[in-house]
N, C-alpha and C. Protein backbone atom coordinates (compact mmCIF):
# COMPACT_ATOMS: atom_id res chain seq x y z
N MET A 1 6.49 4.74 16.38
CA MET A 1 6.39 3.34 16.70
C MET A 1 7.78 2.83 17.08
N VAL A 2 7.83 2.04 18.13
CA VAL A 2 9.07 1.47 18.63
C VAL A 2 9.29 0.08 18.02
N ALA A 3 8.24 -0.75 17.98
CA ALA A 3 8.35 -2.11 17.45
C ALA A 3 6.98 -2.62 17.02
N ARG A 4 7.00 -3.62 16.14
CA ARG A 4 5.77 -4.31 15.72
C ARG A 4 5.98 -5.81 15.91
N ASN A 5 4.91 -6.50 16.27
CA ASN A 5 4.93 -7.95 16.41
C ASN A 5 6.09 -8.44 17.28
N TYR A 6 6.24 -7.80 18.45
CA TYR A 6 7.30 -8.16 19.39
C TYR A 6 6.99 -9.49 20.05
N ARG A 7 7.96 -10.39 20.02
CA ARG A 7 7.87 -11.69 20.72
C ARG A 7 9.06 -11.81 21.67
N PRO A 8 8.79 -12.11 22.94
CA PRO A 8 9.92 -12.37 23.85
C PRO A 8 10.63 -13.65 23.43
N ASN A 9 11.82 -13.86 23.96
CA ASN A 9 12.63 -15.02 23.59
C ASN A 9 11.92 -16.34 23.80
N ASP A 10 11.05 -16.42 24.81
CA ASP A 10 10.36 -17.69 25.05
C ASP A 10 9.23 -17.93 24.05
N GLY A 11 8.90 -16.92 23.22
CA GLY A 11 7.90 -17.07 22.18
C GLY A 11 6.50 -17.32 22.67
N SER A 12 6.24 -17.02 23.94
CA SER A 12 4.95 -17.36 24.55
C SER A 12 3.80 -16.48 24.08
N SER A 13 4.10 -15.31 23.58
CA SER A 13 3.04 -14.40 23.18
C SER A 13 3.61 -13.35 22.24
N GLU A 14 2.75 -12.43 21.83
CA GLU A 14 3.18 -11.39 20.91
C GLU A 14 2.47 -10.09 21.27
N ILE A 15 3.19 -8.99 21.10
CA ILE A 15 2.59 -7.66 21.25
C ILE A 15 2.54 -7.06 19.85
N ASP A 16 1.35 -6.64 19.44
CA ASP A 16 1.19 -6.14 18.07
C ASP A 16 2.00 -4.89 17.81
N ILE A 17 1.88 -3.91 18.69
CA ILE A 17 2.58 -2.63 18.50
C ILE A 17 3.14 -2.16 19.84
N ILE A 18 4.37 -1.67 19.82
CA ILE A 18 4.96 -0.99 20.97
C ILE A 18 5.26 0.42 20.49
N ALA A 19 4.73 1.41 21.20
CA ALA A 19 4.87 2.80 20.79
C ALA A 19 5.23 3.66 21.99
N ARG A 20 5.55 4.91 21.72
CA ARG A 20 5.82 5.89 22.78
C ARG A 20 4.73 6.95 22.76
N ASP A 21 4.35 7.37 23.96
CA ASP A 21 3.48 8.52 24.14
C ASP A 21 4.18 9.37 25.19
N GLY A 22 5.03 10.28 24.75
CA GLY A 22 5.87 11.04 25.67
C GLY A 22 6.86 10.10 26.32
N GLU A 23 6.86 10.04 27.65
CA GLU A 23 7.76 9.15 28.40
C GLU A 23 7.16 7.77 28.64
N THR A 24 5.93 7.56 28.17
CA THR A 24 5.23 6.30 28.40
C THR A 24 5.44 5.35 27.23
N ILE A 25 5.71 4.08 27.56
CA ILE A 25 5.76 3.04 26.54
C ILE A 25 4.38 2.42 26.48
N VAL A 26 3.82 2.35 25.28
CA VAL A 26 2.45 1.86 25.10
C VAL A 26 2.48 0.53 24.36
N PHE A 27 1.90 -0.48 24.99
CA PHE A 27 1.75 -1.80 24.38
C PHE A 27 0.33 -1.87 23.83
N VAL A 28 0.23 -2.11 22.52
CA VAL A 28 -1.07 -2.03 21.85
C VAL A 28 -1.46 -3.39 21.27
N GLU A 29 -2.66 -3.84 21.60
CA GLU A 29 -3.24 -5.03 21.00
C GLU A 29 -4.25 -4.58 19.96
N VAL A 30 -4.12 -5.07 18.74
CA VAL A 30 -5.00 -4.69 17.64
C VAL A 30 -5.89 -5.89 17.31
N LYS A 31 -7.18 -5.65 17.25
CA LYS A 31 -8.14 -6.68 16.87
C LYS A 31 -9.02 -6.12 15.75
N SER A 32 -9.30 -6.97 14.77
CA SER A 32 -10.15 -6.52 13.66
C SER A 32 -11.15 -7.61 13.29
N ARG A 33 -12.23 -7.17 12.69
CA ARG A 33 -13.29 -8.07 12.23
C ARG A 33 -13.86 -7.50 10.93
N THR A 34 -14.44 -8.37 10.12
CA THR A 34 -15.07 -7.90 8.89
C THR A 34 -16.44 -7.28 9.16
N SER A 35 -17.03 -7.66 10.31
CA SER A 35 -18.30 -7.05 10.71
C SER A 35 -18.39 -7.12 12.23
N ALA A 36 -19.36 -6.39 12.77
CA ALA A 36 -19.58 -6.40 14.22
C ALA A 36 -20.72 -7.35 14.59
N GLU A 37 -21.07 -8.23 13.67
CA GLU A 37 -22.19 -9.14 13.87
C GLU A 37 -22.07 -9.97 15.16
N PHE A 38 -20.85 -10.37 15.50
CA PHE A 38 -20.65 -11.19 16.70
C PHE A 38 -20.01 -10.39 17.83
N GLY A 39 -20.13 -9.08 17.80
CA GLY A 39 -19.61 -8.23 18.86
C GLY A 39 -18.38 -7.46 18.43
N ALA A 40 -17.99 -6.54 19.27
CA ALA A 40 -16.84 -5.70 18.99
C ALA A 40 -15.55 -6.53 19.03
N PRO A 41 -14.58 -6.23 18.18
CA PRO A 41 -13.33 -7.00 18.14
C PRO A 41 -12.61 -7.10 19.47
N GLU A 42 -12.61 -6.02 20.26
CA GLU A 42 -11.87 -6.03 21.53
C GLU A 42 -12.44 -7.04 22.53
N ARG A 43 -13.64 -7.53 22.30
CA ARG A 43 -14.21 -8.55 23.18
C ARG A 43 -13.42 -9.86 23.12
N ALA A 44 -12.60 -10.01 22.07
CA ALA A 44 -11.77 -11.20 21.92
C ALA A 44 -10.51 -11.14 22.79
N ILE A 45 -10.31 -10.03 23.50
CA ILE A 45 -9.14 -9.89 24.37
C ILE A 45 -9.58 -10.21 25.80
N GLY A 46 -9.56 -11.49 26.11
CA GLY A 46 -9.99 -11.94 27.43
C GLY A 46 -8.85 -11.87 28.44
N ASP A 47 -9.15 -12.35 29.64
CA ASP A 47 -8.17 -12.33 30.73
C ASP A 47 -6.90 -13.09 30.38
N GLU A 48 -7.05 -14.24 29.74
CA GLU A 48 -5.87 -15.05 29.40
C GLU A 48 -4.98 -14.33 28.38
N LYS A 49 -5.59 -13.72 27.37
CA LYS A 49 -4.83 -12.96 26.37
C LYS A 49 -4.12 -11.78 27.04
N GLN A 50 -4.82 -11.10 27.95
CA GLN A 50 -4.20 -9.98 28.67
C GLN A 50 -2.98 -10.46 29.46
N LYS A 51 -3.08 -11.62 30.11
CA LYS A 51 -1.95 -12.14 30.87
C LYS A 51 -0.75 -12.38 29.97
N HIS A 52 -0.99 -12.92 28.79
CA HIS A 52 0.11 -13.17 27.85
C HIS A 52 0.75 -11.87 27.38
N ILE A 53 -0.07 -10.88 27.12
CA ILE A 53 0.45 -9.58 26.67
C ILE A 53 1.26 -8.92 27.79
N VAL A 54 0.74 -8.97 29.01
CA VAL A 54 1.46 -8.39 30.15
C VAL A 54 2.79 -9.11 30.37
N ARG A 55 2.79 -10.42 30.24
CA ARG A 55 4.03 -11.20 30.40
C ARG A 55 5.07 -10.77 29.35
N ALA A 56 4.64 -10.61 28.11
CA ALA A 56 5.55 -10.16 27.05
C ALA A 56 6.01 -8.73 27.32
N ALA A 57 5.13 -7.88 27.82
CA ALA A 57 5.50 -6.50 28.14
C ALA A 57 6.54 -6.46 29.25
N ARG A 58 6.36 -7.30 30.26
CA ARG A 58 7.35 -7.36 31.35
C ARG A 58 8.71 -7.78 30.82
N SER A 59 8.73 -8.72 29.89
CA SER A 59 9.99 -9.13 29.26
C SER A 59 10.62 -7.95 28.52
N TYR A 60 9.80 -7.22 27.78
CA TYR A 60 10.32 -6.08 27.01
C TYR A 60 10.90 -5.01 27.92
N VAL A 61 10.16 -4.61 28.94
CA VAL A 61 10.64 -3.52 29.80
C VAL A 61 11.89 -3.94 30.56
N SER A 62 11.97 -5.21 30.93
CA SER A 62 13.15 -5.71 31.62
C SER A 62 14.38 -5.61 30.72
N ARG A 63 14.24 -6.03 29.48
CA ARG A 63 15.36 -5.98 28.53
C ARG A 63 15.72 -4.55 28.15
N ALA A 64 14.72 -3.66 28.12
CA ALA A 64 14.95 -2.28 27.69
C ALA A 64 15.33 -1.35 28.84
N GLY A 65 15.27 -1.84 30.09
CA GLY A 65 15.61 -1.01 31.23
C GLY A 65 14.58 0.07 31.53
N ILE A 66 13.33 -0.24 31.27
CA ILE A 66 12.22 0.70 31.49
C ILE A 66 11.53 0.31 32.79
N THR A 67 11.11 1.31 33.56
CA THR A 67 10.38 0.99 34.79
C THR A 67 8.91 0.71 34.47
N TRP A 68 8.33 -0.16 35.27
CA TRP A 68 6.95 -0.61 35.02
C TRP A 68 5.94 0.52 35.11
N ASN A 69 6.24 1.55 35.89
CA ASN A 69 5.27 2.66 36.00
C ASN A 69 5.28 3.55 34.76
N GLN A 70 6.10 3.24 33.77
CA GLN A 70 6.14 4.01 32.52
C GLN A 70 5.39 3.30 31.39
N VAL A 71 4.56 2.29 31.69
CA VAL A 71 3.88 1.56 30.63
C VAL A 71 2.37 1.75 30.69
N ARG A 72 1.76 1.53 29.53
CA ARG A 72 0.31 1.60 29.40
C ARG A 72 -0.11 0.54 28.39
N PHE A 73 -1.31 0.02 28.53
CA PHE A 73 -1.84 -0.98 27.62
C PHE A 73 -3.07 -0.41 26.91
N ASP A 74 -3.01 -0.35 25.60
CA ASP A 74 -4.11 0.17 24.79
C ASP A 74 -4.64 -0.93 23.88
N THR A 75 -5.85 -0.73 23.38
CA THR A 75 -6.38 -1.60 22.33
C THR A 75 -6.82 -0.74 21.15
N ILE A 76 -6.73 -1.32 19.98
CA ILE A 76 -7.29 -0.71 18.78
C ILE A 76 -8.20 -1.75 18.16
N SER A 77 -9.46 -1.39 17.97
CA SER A 77 -10.45 -2.27 17.36
C SER A 77 -10.85 -1.70 16.01
N ILE A 78 -10.83 -2.56 15.01
CA ILE A 78 -11.18 -2.14 13.65
C ILE A 78 -12.27 -3.07 13.13
N VAL A 79 -13.33 -2.46 12.63
CA VAL A 79 -14.37 -3.21 11.94
C VAL A 79 -14.38 -2.71 10.51
N PHE A 80 -14.17 -3.64 9.56
CA PHE A 80 -14.04 -3.26 8.16
C PHE A 80 -15.40 -3.13 7.48
N THR A 81 -16.14 -2.13 7.96
CA THR A 81 -17.41 -1.78 7.34
C THR A 81 -17.13 -0.67 6.33
N ASP A 82 -18.17 -0.10 5.76
CA ASP A 82 -17.98 0.99 4.80
C ASP A 82 -18.71 2.21 5.32
N PRO A 83 -18.04 3.18 5.90
CA PRO A 83 -16.59 3.28 6.08
C PRO A 83 -16.14 2.43 7.29
N PRO A 84 -14.85 2.11 7.35
CA PRO A 84 -14.34 1.33 8.49
C PRO A 84 -14.53 2.07 9.81
N SER A 85 -14.68 1.28 10.88
CA SER A 85 -14.81 1.83 12.23
C SER A 85 -13.54 1.49 13.00
N LEU A 86 -12.94 2.50 13.62
CA LEU A 86 -11.73 2.30 14.41
C LEU A 86 -11.94 2.91 15.78
N VAL A 87 -11.65 2.12 16.84
CA VAL A 87 -11.78 2.60 18.21
C VAL A 87 -10.45 2.36 18.91
N HIS A 88 -9.87 3.43 19.47
CA HIS A 88 -8.63 3.34 20.24
C HIS A 88 -8.98 3.55 21.70
N GLN A 89 -8.71 2.55 22.52
CA GLN A 89 -9.00 2.67 23.95
C GLN A 89 -7.68 2.70 24.72
N GLN A 90 -7.43 3.81 25.41
CA GLN A 90 -6.25 3.93 26.25
C GLN A 90 -6.50 3.28 27.61
N ASP A 91 -5.41 2.78 28.23
CA ASP A 91 -5.52 2.11 29.54
C ASP A 91 -6.60 1.05 29.52
N ALA A 92 -6.59 0.22 28.52
CA ALA A 92 -7.66 -0.76 28.31
C ALA A 92 -7.63 -1.90 29.32
N PHE A 93 -6.46 -2.26 29.83
CA PHE A 93 -6.36 -3.43 30.71
C PHE A 93 -6.48 -3.09 32.17
N PHE A 94 -6.05 -1.92 32.55
CA PHE A 94 -6.01 -1.54 33.96
C PHE A 94 -6.65 -0.19 34.13
N ASN A 95 -7.12 0.09 35.31
CA ASN A 95 -7.65 1.40 35.62
C ASN A 95 -6.49 2.30 36.01
N GLY A 96 -5.98 3.05 35.06
CA GLY A 96 -4.80 3.88 35.30
C GLY A 96 -3.54 3.10 35.02
N ARG A 97 -2.49 3.38 35.72
CA ARG A 97 -1.18 2.74 35.48
C ARG A 97 -1.23 1.24 35.66
N ALA A 98 -0.34 0.56 34.95
CA ALA A 98 -0.26 -0.90 35.02
C ALA A 98 0.13 -1.35 36.43
N ASN A 99 -0.43 -2.46 36.84
CA ASN A 99 -0.16 -3.01 38.17
C ASN A 99 1.16 -3.75 38.17
């Protein structure tokens, strides 16, 4: 893990987890629910939330000197059932590399 709860200086948004997968920097949004009664947790990551996360990621890569083609956006969804359900989706925001 590279960072947790990253906020750019403007404080406009937050990235839950920043990690490395080889040479790729992975920005991860984590969503959890106590049940799946109202749908999967990742359904709460709409277009507006994605825009905020991408904006924060652009701030991070700019400050870190990382090229945009080295990033990926993942989601982790957790439902606290018995046993808990965890789903990790790679490239969740874009089809392949980030735009």
